[in-house]
Amino acid sequence: MSKKINYTDFTPDSVVDAILNKFVDRAEMGFKKYNNTLDRKDLSKVEWINHAQEELMDGILYLQRLKQEINDQATESN
């Protein structure tokens, strides 16, 4: 992994700082795993849309799972 960048020179927001570092980590992981970057030219616009849809659907599933866990815990405590 590369050195963490201190984004507080650009923003005083620790949440933004954490997210920017996560983007850098994710880009590095993607390059190591796929030996490619988002600058690649081998995918069509529709393929890019499909990738985005799949990622967003995964995110919705993760949120639903967490929501169910929160609801289950609230029910148990009542």
N, C-alpha and C. Protein backbone atom coordinates (compact mmCIF):
# COMPACT_ATOMS: atom_id res chain seq x y z
N MET A 1 0.83 -1.20 0.00
CA MET A 1 0.00 0.00 0.00
C MET A 1 0.87 1.25 0.00
N SER A 2 0.34 2.26 -0.60
CA SER A 2 1.09 3.50 -0.63
C SER A 2 0.89 4.27 0.67
N LYS A 3 1.70 5.27 0.83
CA LYS A 3 1.61 6.12 2.00
C LYS A 3 0.26 6.83 2.02
N LYS A 4 -0.33 6.90 3.19
CA LYS A 4 -1.60 7.61 3.33
C LYS A 4 -1.38 9.09 3.08
N ILE A 5 -2.31 9.68 2.37
CA ILE A 5 -2.24 11.10 2.05
C ILE A 5 -3.02 11.85 3.11
N ASN A 6 -2.44 12.90 3.62
CA ASN A 6 -3.13 13.73 4.59
C ASN A 6 -3.93 14.79 3.85
N TYR A 7 -5.21 14.52 3.68
CA TYR A 7 -6.07 15.43 2.94
C TYR A 7 -6.51 16.62 3.77
N THR A 8 -6.15 16.64 5.05
CA THR A 8 -6.56 17.77 5.88
C THR A 8 -5.95 19.08 5.40
N ASP A 9 -4.93 18.99 4.54
CA ASP A 9 -4.42 20.21 3.92
C ASP A 9 -5.46 20.81 2.98
N PHE A 10 -6.40 19.96 2.51
CA PHE A 10 -7.41 20.40 1.56
C PHE A 10 -8.78 20.55 2.21
N THR A 11 -9.05 19.74 3.22
CA THR A 11 -10.34 19.79 3.89
C THR A 11 -10.16 19.51 5.38
N PRO A 12 -10.85 20.22 6.22
CA PRO A 12 -10.75 19.96 7.66
C PRO A 12 -11.66 18.83 8.12
N ASP A 13 -12.32 18.17 7.20
CA ASP A 13 -13.34 17.17 7.52
C ASP A 13 -12.73 15.78 7.59
N SER A 14 -12.71 15.18 8.78
CA SER A 14 -12.11 13.86 8.96
C SER A 14 -12.85 12.77 8.20
N VAL A 15 -14.15 12.95 8.00
CA VAL A 15 -14.93 11.95 7.26
C VAL A 15 -14.51 11.97 5.79
N VAL A 16 -14.38 13.15 5.23
CA VAL A 16 -13.93 13.28 3.85
C VAL A 16 -12.52 12.72 3.71
N ASP A 17 -11.67 12.99 4.67
CA ASP A 17 -10.29 12.48 4.67
C ASP A 17 -10.30 10.95 4.64
N ALA A 18 -11.13 10.34 5.46
CA ALA A 18 -11.20 8.88 5.51
C ALA A 18 -11.69 8.30 4.18
N ILE A 19 -12.68 8.93 3.60
CA ILE A 19 -13.23 8.44 2.33
C ILE A 19 -12.22 8.60 1.20
N LEU A 20 -11.52 9.70 1.16
CA LEU A 20 -10.51 9.89 0.11
C LEU A 20 -9.43 8.81 0.20
N ASN A 21 -9.01 8.49 1.42
CA ASN A 21 -8.02 7.43 1.59
C ASN A 21 -8.58 6.07 1.18
N LYS A 22 -9.87 5.83 1.43
CA LYS A 22 -10.49 4.58 1.00
C LYS A 22 -10.50 4.48 -0.53
N PHE A 23 -10.75 5.60 -1.21
CA PHE A 23 -10.71 5.60 -2.68
C PHE A 23 -9.32 5.21 -3.18
N VAL A 24 -8.30 5.77 -2.56
CA VAL A 24 -6.92 5.45 -2.95
C VAL A 24 -6.65 3.97 -2.71
N ASP A 25 -7.03 3.45 -1.54
CA ASP A 25 -6.83 2.04 -1.23
C ASP A 25 -7.56 1.14 -2.23
N ARG A 26 -8.78 1.52 -2.56
CA ARG A 26 -9.58 0.71 -3.49
C ARG A 26 -8.96 0.71 -4.88
N ALA A 27 -8.46 1.85 -5.32
CA ALA A 27 -7.81 1.93 -6.63
C ALA A 27 -6.57 1.04 -6.66
N GLU A 28 -5.80 1.06 -5.59
CA GLU A 28 -4.60 0.21 -5.51
C GLU A 28 -4.98 -1.27 -5.52
N MET A 29 -5.99 -1.64 -4.76
CA MET A 29 -6.44 -3.02 -4.71
C MET A 29 -6.93 -3.47 -6.09
N GLY A 30 -7.70 -2.63 -6.75
CA GLY A 30 -8.20 -2.95 -8.08
C GLY A 30 -7.08 -3.15 -9.08
N PHE A 31 -6.07 -2.32 -9.00
CA PHE A 31 -4.95 -2.46 -9.92
C PHE A 31 -4.19 -3.75 -9.65
N LYS A 32 -3.98 -4.06 -8.37
CA LYS A 32 -3.27 -5.31 -8.03
C LYS A 32 -4.07 -6.53 -8.46
N LYS A 33 -5.37 -6.49 -8.27
CA LYS A 33 -6.22 -7.64 -8.58
C LYS A 33 -6.43 -7.81 -10.08
N TYR A 34 -6.68 -6.71 -10.79
CA TYR A 34 -7.06 -6.79 -12.21
C TYR A 34 -5.98 -6.28 -13.16
N ASN A 35 -4.90 -5.74 -12.59
CA ASN A 35 -3.82 -5.17 -13.40
C ASN A 35 -4.37 -4.17 -14.42
N ASN A 36 -5.32 -3.37 -13.95
CA ASN A 36 -5.96 -2.39 -14.82
C ASN A 36 -6.49 -1.25 -13.96
N THR A 37 -6.81 -0.14 -14.60
CA THR A 37 -7.39 1.01 -13.90
C THR A 37 -8.71 1.38 -14.55
N LEU A 38 -9.36 2.37 -14.00
CA LEU A 38 -10.60 2.85 -14.59
C LEU A 38 -10.35 3.62 -15.90
N ASP A 39 -9.11 3.83 -16.24
CA ASP A 39 -8.78 4.46 -17.51
C ASP A 39 -8.86 3.49 -18.68
N ARG A 40 -9.15 2.24 -18.39
CA ARG A 40 -9.20 1.20 -19.42
C ARG A 40 -10.21 1.58 -20.52
N LYS A 41 -9.96 1.08 -21.70
CA LYS A 41 -10.80 1.42 -22.86
C LYS A 41 -11.49 0.20 -23.46
N ASP A 42 -11.40 -0.95 -22.78
CA ASP A 42 -11.93 -2.19 -23.36
C ASP A 42 -13.38 -2.47 -23.01
N LEU A 43 -14.03 -1.61 -22.26
CA LEU A 43 -15.43 -1.82 -21.91
C LEU A 43 -16.31 -0.78 -22.60
N SER A 44 -17.48 -1.24 -23.01
CA SER A 44 -18.44 -0.32 -23.63
C SER A 44 -19.14 0.49 -22.54
N LYS A 45 -19.87 1.48 -22.95
CA LYS A 45 -20.64 2.27 -21.98
C LYS A 45 -21.66 1.39 -21.26
N VAL A 46 -22.28 0.47 -21.99
CA VAL A 46 -23.26 -0.43 -21.38
C VAL A 46 -22.58 -1.35 -20.37
N GLU A 47 -21.38 -1.81 -20.67
CA GLU A 47 -20.65 -2.65 -19.71
C GLU A 47 -20.31 -1.87 -18.45
N TRP A 48 -19.93 -0.60 -18.60
CA TRP A 48 -19.68 0.24 -17.42
C TRP A 48 -20.96 0.40 -16.59
N ILE A 49 -22.07 0.60 -17.28
CA ILE A 49 -23.36 0.73 -16.57
C ILE A 49 -23.68 -0.57 -15.84
N ASN A 50 -23.46 -1.70 -16.49
CA ASN A 50 -23.71 -2.99 -15.83
C ASN A 50 -22.86 -3.16 -14.58
N HIS A 51 -21.59 -2.80 -14.67
CA HIS A 51 -20.72 -2.89 -13.48
C HIS A 51 -21.27 -2.02 -12.35
N ALA A 52 -21.66 -0.80 -12.69
CA ALA A 52 -22.18 0.12 -11.67
C ALA A 52 -23.46 -0.43 -11.05
N GLN A 53 -24.36 -0.97 -11.88
CA GLN A 53 -25.60 -1.53 -11.36
C GLN A 53 -25.32 -2.69 -10.40
N GLU A 54 -24.39 -3.56 -10.77
CA GLU A 54 -24.06 -4.69 -9.91
C GLU A 54 -23.50 -4.23 -8.57
N GLU A 55 -22.63 -3.24 -8.60
CA GLU A 55 -22.05 -2.72 -7.35
C GLU A 55 -23.14 -2.08 -6.48
N LEU A 56 -24.03 -1.31 -7.10
CA LEU A 56 -25.09 -0.66 -6.34
C LEU A 56 -26.08 -1.67 -5.77
N MET A 57 -26.38 -2.72 -6.54
CA MET A 57 -27.27 -3.77 -6.02
C MET A 57 -26.64 -4.45 -4.82
N ASP A 58 -25.34 -4.72 -4.87
CA ASP A 58 -24.66 -5.29 -3.71
C ASP A 58 -24.80 -4.36 -2.50
N GLY A 59 -24.62 -3.07 -2.72
CA GLY A 59 -24.74 -2.11 -1.63
C GLY A 59 -26.12 -2.12 -1.00
N ILE A 60 -27.15 -2.21 -1.83
CA ILE A 60 -28.53 -2.27 -1.32
C ILE A 60 -28.72 -3.54 -0.48
N LEU A 61 -28.16 -4.66 -0.94
CA LEU A 61 -28.27 -5.90 -0.17
C LEU A 61 -27.59 -5.78 1.18
N TYR A 62 -26.41 -5.16 1.22
CA TYR A 62 -25.69 -4.99 2.49
C TYR A 62 -26.50 -4.10 3.43
N LEU A 63 -27.09 -3.03 2.90
CA LEU A 63 -27.90 -2.15 3.74
C LEU A 63 -29.14 -2.86 4.28
N GLN A 64 -29.79 -3.67 3.46
CA GLN A 64 -30.96 -4.42 3.91
C GLN A 64 -30.60 -5.39 5.01
N ARG A 65 -29.47 -6.06 4.85
CA ARG A 65 -29.02 -7.01 5.86
C ARG A 65 -28.78 -6.32 7.20
N LEU A 66 -28.13 -5.16 7.17
CA LEU A 66 -27.89 -4.40 8.39
C LEU A 66 -29.18 -3.88 8.99
N LYS A 67 -30.09 -3.43 8.13
CA LYS A 67 -31.39 -2.93 8.60
C LYS A 67 -32.15 -4.04 9.32
N GLN A 68 -32.13 -5.25 8.75
CA GLN A 68 -32.80 -6.38 9.39
C GLN A 68 -32.17 -6.69 10.74
N GLU A 69 -30.85 -6.62 10.83
CA GLU A 69 -30.17 -6.88 12.09
C GLU A 69 -30.57 -5.84 13.14
N ILE A 70 -30.62 -4.58 12.75
CA ILE A 70 -31.03 -3.51 13.67
C ILE A 70 -32.46 -3.74 14.14
N ASN A 71 -33.34 -4.07 13.20
CA ASN A 71 -34.75 -4.33 13.55
C ASN A 71 -34.88 -5.54 14.47
N ASP A 72 -34.12 -6.58 14.21
CA ASP A 72 -34.14 -7.78 15.05
C ASP A 72 -33.69 -7.46 16.47
N GLN A 73 -32.63 -6.65 16.58
CA GLN A 73 -32.12 -6.28 17.91
C GLN A 73 -33.14 -5.42 18.66
N ALA A 74 -33.82 -4.53 17.92
CA ALA A 74 -34.84 -3.68 18.56
C ALA A 74 -36.00 -4.53 19.05
N THR A 75 -36.39 -5.52 18.27
CA THR A 75 -37.48 -6.41 18.66
C THR A 75 -37.11 -7.24 19.87
N GLU A 76 -35.87 -7.73 19.91
CA GLU A 76 -35.40 -8.54 21.05
C GLU A 76 -35.36 -7.73 22.33
N SER A 77 -35.03 -6.44 22.24
CA SER A 77 -34.90 -5.62 23.44
C SER A 77 -36.24 -5.12 23.96
N ASN A 78 -37.29 -5.29 23.18
CA ASN A 78 -38.64 -4.83 23.61
C ASN A 78 -39.39 -5.90 24.30
